[in-house]
């Protein structure tokens, strides 16, 4: 039995969990890369010049997720892949794609926090441990 199995009592391999969430992160990254093309975000938000910033942040988060998926594919650091994947799911649920009435500034702030804490933080963990 592995140390993780003994510690949690669950027959779950942490590397398998890491690989699964790395794959999910990569897939969600592709979704975020395509979101500006398929979204009508510009018509839902106030035209204050924030929409290009939001689109840029969405693409940056998508690139981070794809990189997290690629770097975390060995499954050695599962938490670095679980966090951005769950954050991406939360953003897709809360986001303008499902007509949630967030203002442009709130949406930009959420995506910026996701890039900085979810994306870049996980990349740092995956690269430097």
C-alpha atoms as a PDB file:
ATOM      1  CA  UNK A   1       0.000   0.000   0.000  1.00  0.00           C
ATOM      2  CA  UNK A   2       1.236   3.492  -0.798  1.00  0.00           C
ATOM      3  CA  UNK A   3       1.699   6.205   1.798  1.00  0.00           C
ATOM      4  CA  UNK A   4      -1.256   8.168   0.397  1.00  0.00           C
ATOM      5  CA  UNK A   5      -3.530   5.158   0.615  1.00  0.00           C
ATOM      6  CA  UNK A   6      -2.478   4.475   4.207  1.00  0.00           C
ATOM      7  CA  UNK A   7      -2.856   8.131   5.205  1.00  0.00           C
ATOM      8  CA  UNK A   8      -6.322   8.625   3.692  1.00  0.00           C
ATOM      9  CA  UNK A   9      -7.681   5.100   3.866  1.00  0.00           C
ATOM     10  CA  UNK A  10      -8.881   5.499   0.285  1.00  0.00           C
ATOM     11  CA  UNK A  11      -7.588   3.318  -2.522  1.00  0.00           C
ATOM     12  CA  UNK A  12      -6.817   6.364  -4.683  1.00  0.00           C
ATOM     13  CA  UNK A  13      -3.439   6.830  -6.262  1.00  0.00           C
ATOM     14  CA  UNK A  14      -2.467  10.536  -5.926  1.00  0.00           C
ATOM     15  CA  UNK A  15      -0.499  10.379  -9.187  1.00  0.00           C
ATOM     16  CA  UNK A  16      -3.600   9.153 -10.984  1.00  0.00           C
ATOM     17  CA  UNK A  17      -5.580  12.037  -9.492  1.00  0.00           C
ATOM     18  CA  UNK A  18      -2.851  14.453 -10.580  1.00  0.00           C
ATOM     19  CA  UNK A  19      -2.874  13.083 -14.120  1.00  0.00           C
ATOM     20  CA  UNK A  20      -6.665  13.262 -14.336  1.00  0.00           C
ATOM     21  CA  UNK A  21      -6.788  16.862 -13.156  1.00  0.00           C
ATOM     22  CA  UNK A  22      -3.851  17.792 -15.384  1.00  0.00           C
ATOM     23  CA  UNK A  23      -5.824  16.472 -18.346  1.00  0.00           C
ATOM     24  CA  UNK A  24      -8.896  18.375 -17.140  1.00  0.00           C
ATOM     25  CA  UNK A  25      -6.826  21.550 -16.750  1.00  0.00           C
ATOM     26  CA  UNK A  26      -5.504  21.223 -20.293  1.00  0.00           C
ATOM     27  CA  UNK A  27      -8.990  20.636 -21.685  1.00  0.00           C
ATOM     28  CA  UNK A  28     -10.427  23.582 -19.760  1.00  0.00           C
ATOM     29  CA  UNK A  29      -7.506  25.686 -20.980  1.00  0.00           C
ATOM     30  CA  UNK A  30      -8.586  25.011 -24.544  1.00  0.00           C
ATOM     31  CA  UNK A  31     -12.131  26.031 -23.569  1.00  0.00           C
ATOM     32  CA  UNK A  32     -10.835  29.317 -22.152  1.00  0.00           C
ATOM     33  CA  UNK A  33      -8.739  29.918 -25.273  1.00  0.00           C
ATOM     34  CA  UNK A  34     -11.872  29.562 -27.383  1.00  0.00           C
ATOM     35  CA  UNK A  35     -14.140  31.522 -25.047  1.00  0.00           C
ATOM     36  CA  UNK A  36     -13.471  34.979 -26.556  1.00  0.00           C
ATOM     37  CA  UNK A  37     -14.370  33.639 -29.992  1.00  0.00           C
ATOM     38  CA  UNK A  38     -17.606  31.959 -28.938  1.00  0.00           C
ATOM     39  CA  UNK A  39     -18.785  34.359 -26.224  1.00  0.00           C
ATOM     40  CA  UNK A  40     -21.010  37.380 -26.632  1.00  0.00           C
ATOM     41  CA  UNK A  41     -19.283  38.965 -23.653  1.00  0.00           C
ATOM     42  CA  UNK A  42     -18.989  42.301 -25.455  1.00  0.00           C
ATOM     43  CA  UNK A  43     -22.739  42.671 -25.729  1.00  0.00           C
ATOM     44  CA  UNK A  44     -23.295  41.772 -22.061  1.00  0.00           C
ATOM     45  CA  UNK A  45     -20.756  44.096 -20.490  1.00  0.00           C
ATOM     46  CA  UNK A  46     -20.634  47.841 -20.267  1.00  0.00           C
ATOM     47  CA  UNK A  47     -18.684  49.333 -23.176  1.00  0.00           C
ATOM     48  CA  UNK A  48     -16.019  50.994 -21.044  1.00  0.00           C
ATOM     49  CA  UNK A  49     -13.039  49.555 -22.855  1.00  0.00           C
ATOM     50  CA  UNK A  50     -12.788  46.679 -20.379  1.00  0.00           C
ATOM     51  CA  UNK A  51     -13.886  43.923 -22.764  1.00  0.00           C
ATOM     52  CA  UNK A  52     -10.468  43.605 -24.522  1.00  0.00           C
ATOM     53  CA  UNK A  53      -8.823  43.400 -21.101  1.00  0.00           C
ATOM     54  CA  UNK A  54     -11.221  40.648 -20.042  1.00  0.00           C
ATOM     55  CA  UNK A  55     -10.613  38.768 -23.295  1.00  0.00           C
ATOM     56  CA  UNK A  56      -6.853  39.084 -22.813  1.00  0.00           C
ATOM     57  CA  UNK A  57      -7.094  37.766 -19.250  1.00  0.00           C
ATOM     58  CA  UNK A  58      -9.311  34.868 -20.359  1.00  0.00           C
ATOM     59  CA  UNK A  59      -6.739  33.890 -23.007  1.00  0.00           C
ATOM     60  CA  UNK A  60      -3.911  34.249 -20.458  1.00  0.00           C
ATOM     61  CA  UNK A  61      -5.753  31.963 -18.033  1.00  0.00           C
ATOM     62  CA  UNK A  62      -6.351  29.489 -20.856  1.00  0.00           C
ATOM     63  CA  UNK A  63      -2.639  29.459 -21.667  1.00  0.00           C
ATOM     64  CA  UNK A  64      -1.824  28.924 -17.989  1.00  0.00           C
ATOM     65  CA  UNK A  65      -4.255  25.998 -17.825  1.00  0.00           C
ATOM     66  CA  UNK A  66      -2.780  24.395 -20.936  1.00  0.00           C
ATOM     67  CA  UNK A  67       0.714  24.799 -19.446  1.00  0.00           C
ATOM     68  CA  UNK A  68      -0.476  23.356 -16.115  1.00  0.00           C
ATOM     69  CA  UNK A  69      -1.950  20.395 -17.992  1.00  0.00           C
ATOM     70  CA  UNK A  70       1.288  19.822 -19.856  1.00  0.00           C
ATOM     71  CA  UNK A  71       3.655  20.264 -16.907  1.00  0.00           C
ATOM     72  CA  UNK A  72       1.451  18.314 -14.499  1.00  0.00           C
ATOM     73  CA  UNK A  73       0.922  15.331 -16.797  1.00  0.00           C
ATOM     74  CA  UNK A  74       3.232  13.133 -14.688  1.00  0.00           C
ATOM     75  CA  UNK A  75       0.866  13.525 -11.712  1.00  0.00           C
ATOM     76  CA  UNK A  76       3.612  14.168  -9.160  1.00  0.00           C
ATOM     77  CA  UNK A  77       2.032  17.312  -7.712  1.00  0.00           C
ATOM     78  CA  UNK A  78      -1.725  16.748  -7.785  1.00  0.00           C
ATOM     79  CA  UNK A  79      -2.660  19.875  -5.791  1.00  0.00           C
ATOM     80  CA  UNK A  80      -1.019  22.097  -8.413  1.00  0.00           C
ATOM     81  CA  UNK A  81      -3.381  20.660 -11.030  1.00  0.00           C
ATOM     82  CA  UNK A  82      -6.536  20.291  -8.911  1.00  0.00           C
ATOM     83  CA  UNK A  83      -6.684  23.951  -7.831  1.00  0.00           C
ATOM     84  CA  UNK A  84      -6.652  25.602 -11.284  1.00  0.00           C
ATOM     85  CA  UNK A  85      -9.013  22.993 -12.721  1.00  0.00           C
ATOM     86  CA  UNK A  86     -11.587  23.600  -9.985  1.00  0.00           C
ATOM     87  CA  UNK A  87     -11.092  27.358 -10.317  1.00  0.00           C
ATOM     88  CA  UNK A  88     -11.690  27.119 -14.073  1.00  0.00           C
ATOM     89  CA  UNK A  89     -14.893  25.157 -13.508  1.00  0.00           C
ATOM     90  CA  UNK A  90     -16.056  27.781 -11.005  1.00  0.00           C
ATOM     91  CA  UNK A  91     -15.312  30.591 -13.469  1.00  0.00           C
ATOM     92  CA  UNK A  92     -17.202  28.837 -16.240  1.00  0.00           C
ATOM     93  CA  UNK A  93     -20.187  28.381 -13.921  1.00  0.00           C
ATOM     94  CA  UNK A  94     -20.114  31.967 -12.628  1.00  0.00           C
ATOM     95  CA  UNK A  95     -19.085  33.579 -15.885  1.00  0.00           C
ATOM     96  CA  UNK A  96     -20.880  35.553 -18.519  1.00  0.00           C
ATOM     97  CA  UNK A  97     -21.040  32.431 -20.676  1.00  0.00           C
ATOM     98  CA  UNK A  98     -24.009  31.379 -18.555  1.00  0.00           C
ATOM     99  CA  UNK A  99     -25.480  34.904 -18.442  1.00  0.00           C
ATOM    100  CA  UNK A 100     -24.508  35.590 -14.838  1.00  0.00           C
ATOM    101  CA  UNK A 101     -24.896  39.359 -14.409  1.00  0.00           C
ATOM    102  CA  UNK A 102     -21.350  40.290 -13.467  1.00  0.00           C
ATOM    103  CA  UNK A 103     -20.103  43.695 -14.453  1.00  0.00           C
ATOM    104  CA  UNK A 104     -17.031  43.903 -16.647  1.00  0.00           C
ATOM    105  CA  UNK A 105     -14.844  45.031 -13.766  1.00  0.00           C
ATOM    106  CA  UNK A 106     -15.953  42.182 -11.501  1.00  0.00           C
ATOM    107  CA  UNK A 107     -15.387  39.617 -14.262  1.00  0.00           C
ATOM    108  CA  UNK A 108     -11.969  41.109 -15.071  1.00  0.00           C
ATOM    109  CA  UNK A 109     -11.039  40.950 -11.384  1.00  0.00           C
ATOM    110  CA  UNK A 110     -12.087  37.312 -11.082  1.00  0.00           C
ATOM    111  CA  UNK A 111     -10.153  36.290 -14.171  1.00  0.00           C
ATOM    112  CA  UNK A 112      -7.094  38.311 -13.109  1.00  0.00           C
ATOM    113  CA  UNK A 113      -7.114  36.631  -9.693  1.00  0.00           C
ATOM    114  CA  UNK A 114      -7.429  33.277 -11.455  1.00  0.00           C
ATOM    115  CA  UNK A 115      -4.432  33.993 -13.666  1.00  0.00           C
ATOM    116  CA  UNK A 116      -2.268  35.175 -10.782  1.00  0.00           C
ATOM    117  CA  UNK A 117      -3.225  32.710  -8.054  1.00  0.00           C
ATOM    118  CA  UNK A 118      -4.556  29.715  -9.948  1.00  0.00           C
ATOM    119  CA  UNK A 119      -2.508  29.750 -13.114  1.00  0.00           C
ATOM    120  CA  UNK A 120       0.840  31.307 -12.252  1.00  0.00           C
ATOM    121  CA  UNK A 121       0.875  29.877  -8.723  1.00  0.00           C
ATOM    122  CA  UNK A 122       0.352  26.367 -10.032  1.00  0.00           C
ATOM    123  CA  UNK A 123       2.953  26.821 -12.756  1.00  0.00           C
ATOM    124  CA  UNK A 124       5.454  27.992 -10.132  1.00  0.00           C
ATOM    125  CA  UNK A 125       4.679  24.934  -7.995  1.00  0.00           C
ATOM    126  CA  UNK A 126       5.010  22.563 -10.944  1.00  0.00           C
ATOM    127  CA  UNK A 127       8.301  24.051 -12.150  1.00  0.00           C
ATOM    128  CA  UNK A 128      10.055  24.884  -8.888  1.00  0.00           C
ATOM    129  CA  UNK A 129       8.310  22.571  -6.443  1.00  0.00           C
END
